[in-house]
Amino acid sequence: MSGAIGPGSEGMNLEHIKTCVRCGLRYDWRRSSSTSLKMTYCSHLCEAGDLGFTLEALLHAEPPAKTEVEASEPETAAI
């Protein structure tokens, strides 16, 4: 089903309506607060709840400093 419905000259275009993978709500993907996966999740909360993180946070994450990595690695005894 396509075309505009509702009041106004533009109305609501059903081609923009998606169903959230996590909560099952129908939403206009152009207005989704999910920054990276607008066509999959209705909001950033559903994105984070389903994945455990948001892709935006993953893209901006920085690797741990070298001293943190060295401190977390177990020391091996020299034989």
C-alpha atoms as a PDB file:
ATOM      1  CA  MET A   1       0.000   0.000   0.000  1.00  0.00           C
ATOM      2  CA  SER A   2       1.463   3.333  -0.972  1.00  0.00           C
ATOM      3  CA  GLY A   3       0.315   6.877  -1.378  1.00  0.00           C
ATOM      4  CA  ALA A   4      -0.474   9.730   0.969  1.00  0.00           C
ATOM      5  CA  ILE A   5      -3.266   9.490   3.526  1.00  0.00           C
ATOM      6  CA  GLY A   6      -4.564  11.981   6.058  1.00  0.00           C
ATOM      7  CA  PRO A   7      -5.045  15.748   6.032  1.00  0.00           C
ATOM      8  CA  GLY A   8      -2.762  18.258   4.387  1.00  0.00           C
ATOM      9  CA  SER A   9      -1.199  18.422   0.976  1.00  0.00           C
ATOM     10  CA  GLU A  10       1.446  15.814   1.794  1.00  0.00           C
ATOM     11  CA  GLY A  11      -0.440  13.670   4.306  1.00  0.00           C
ATOM     12  CA  MET A  12       1.245  10.588   5.749  1.00  0.00           C
ATOM     13  CA  ASN A  13       3.169   8.455   3.272  1.00  0.00           C
ATOM     14  CA  LEU A  14       2.859   4.776   4.209  1.00  0.00           C
ATOM     15  CA  GLU A  15       6.209   4.049   2.557  1.00  0.00           C
ATOM     16  CA  HIS A  16       7.865   5.773   5.538  1.00  0.00           C
ATOM     17  CA  ILE A  17       6.116   3.639   8.175  1.00  0.00           C
ATOM     18  CA  LYS A  18       8.228   0.823   9.630  1.00  0.00           C
ATOM     19  CA  THR A  19       7.752  -1.591  12.524  1.00  0.00           C
ATOM     20  CA  CYS A  20      10.330  -1.527  15.334  1.00  0.00           C
ATOM     21  CA  VAL A  21      12.240  -4.805  15.551  1.00  0.00           C
ATOM     22  CA  ARG A  22      12.383  -4.672  19.349  1.00  0.00           C
ATOM     23  CA  CYS A  23       9.025  -3.334  20.559  1.00  0.00           C
ATOM     24  CA  GLY A  24       6.846  -3.890  17.495  1.00  0.00           C
ATOM     25  CA  LEU A  25       5.460  -0.327  17.372  1.00  0.00           C
ATOM     26  CA  ARG A  26       4.824   1.287  14.017  1.00  0.00           C
ATOM     27  CA  TYR A  27       6.749   4.528  13.465  1.00  0.00           C
ATOM     28  CA  ASP A  28       7.827   6.978  10.769  1.00  0.00           C
ATOM     29  CA  TRP A  29      11.499   6.080  10.314  1.00  0.00           C
ATOM     30  CA  ARG A  30      12.373   9.661   9.340  1.00  0.00           C
ATOM     31  CA  ARG A  31      11.438  10.802  12.869  1.00  0.00           C
ATOM     32  CA  SER A  32      13.183   7.991  14.726  1.00  0.00           C
ATOM     33  CA  SER A  33      15.611   9.064  17.461  1.00  0.00           C
ATOM     34  CA  SER A  34      17.823   6.084  16.631  1.00  0.00           C
ATOM     35  CA  THR A  35      20.826   7.772  15.049  1.00  0.00           C
ATOM     36  CA  SER A  36      22.251   4.897  13.039  1.00  0.00           C
ATOM     37  CA  LEU A  37      19.486   2.341  12.562  1.00  0.00           C
ATOM     38  CA  LYS A  38      16.435   4.511  11.869  1.00  0.00           C
ATOM     39  CA  MET A  39      14.838   1.906   9.609  1.00  0.00           C
ATOM     40  CA  THR A  40      15.152  -0.820  12.270  1.00  0.00           C
ATOM     41  CA  TYR A  41      14.396   0.792  15.653  1.00  0.00           C
ATOM     42  CA  CYS A  42      11.817   3.404  16.661  1.00  0.00           C
ATOM     43  CA  SER A  43      14.160   5.062  19.183  1.00  0.00           C
ATOM     44  CA  HIS A  44      17.673   5.027  20.560  1.00  0.00           C
ATOM     45  CA  LEU A  45      16.298   3.264  23.651  1.00  0.00           C
ATOM     46  CA  CYS A  46      15.103   0.293  21.577  1.00  0.00           C
ATOM     47  CA  GLU A  47      18.411   0.252  19.696  1.00  0.00           C
ATOM     48  CA  ALA A  48      20.416   0.211  22.930  1.00  0.00           C
ATOM     49  CA  GLY A  49      18.051  -2.276  24.574  1.00  0.00           C
ATOM     50  CA  ASP A  50      18.252  -4.737  21.701  1.00  0.00           C
ATOM     51  CA  LEU A  51      21.968  -4.462  20.925  1.00  0.00           C
ATOM     52  CA  GLY A  52      23.239  -3.565  24.393  1.00  0.00           C
ATOM     53  CA  PHE A  53      24.809  -0.421  22.901  1.00  0.00           C
ATOM     54  CA  THR A  54      24.113   2.109  20.191  1.00  0.00           C
ATOM     55  CA  LEU A  55      26.123   2.115  16.995  1.00  0.00           C
ATOM     56  CA  GLU A  56      26.750   5.834  17.478  1.00  0.00           C
ATOM     57  CA  ALA A  57      28.434   5.128  20.846  1.00  0.00           C
ATOM     58  CA  LEU A  58      30.464   2.333  19.271  1.00  0.00           C
ATOM     59  CA  LEU A  59      31.655   4.612  16.468  1.00  0.00           C
ATOM     60  CA  HIS A  60      32.819   7.256  18.947  1.00  0.00           C
ATOM     61  CA  ALA A  61      34.424   4.814  21.390  1.00  0.00           C
ATOM     62  CA  GLU A  62      38.161   5.042  21.777  1.00  0.00           C
ATOM     63  CA  PRO A  63      40.416   2.069  22.446  1.00  0.00           C
ATOM     64  CA  PRO A  64      41.711   1.815  26.008  1.00  0.00           C
ATOM     65  CA  ALA A  65      45.021   3.492  26.769  1.00  0.00           C
ATOM     66  CA  LYS A  66      48.081   1.284  26.545  1.00  0.00           C
ATOM     67  CA  THR A  67      48.658   1.393  30.308  1.00  0.00           C
ATOM     68  CA  GLU A  68      45.104   0.140  30.935  1.00  0.00           C
ATOM     69  CA  VAL A  69      45.592  -2.775  28.527  1.00  0.00           C
ATOM     70  CA  GLU A  70      48.926  -3.732  30.063  1.00  0.00           C
ATOM     71  CA  ALA A  71      47.469  -3.589  33.581  1.00  0.00           C
ATOM     72  CA  SER A  72      44.542  -5.832  32.657  1.00  0.00           C
ATOM     73  CA  GLU A  73      46.694  -8.528  31.028  1.00  0.00           C
ATOM     74  CA  PRO A  74      47.846 -11.292  33.390  1.00  0.00           C
ATOM     75  CA  GLU A  75      51.558 -11.415  33.953  1.00  0.00           C
ATOM     76  CA  THR A  76      53.307 -14.563  32.780  1.00  0.00           C
ATOM     77  CA  ALA A  77      56.167 -15.924  34.778  1.00  0.00           C
ATOM     78  CA  ALA A  78      59.449 -16.321  32.905  1.00  0.00           C
ATOM     79  CA  ILE A  79      60.785 -19.852  32.941  1.00  0.00           C
END
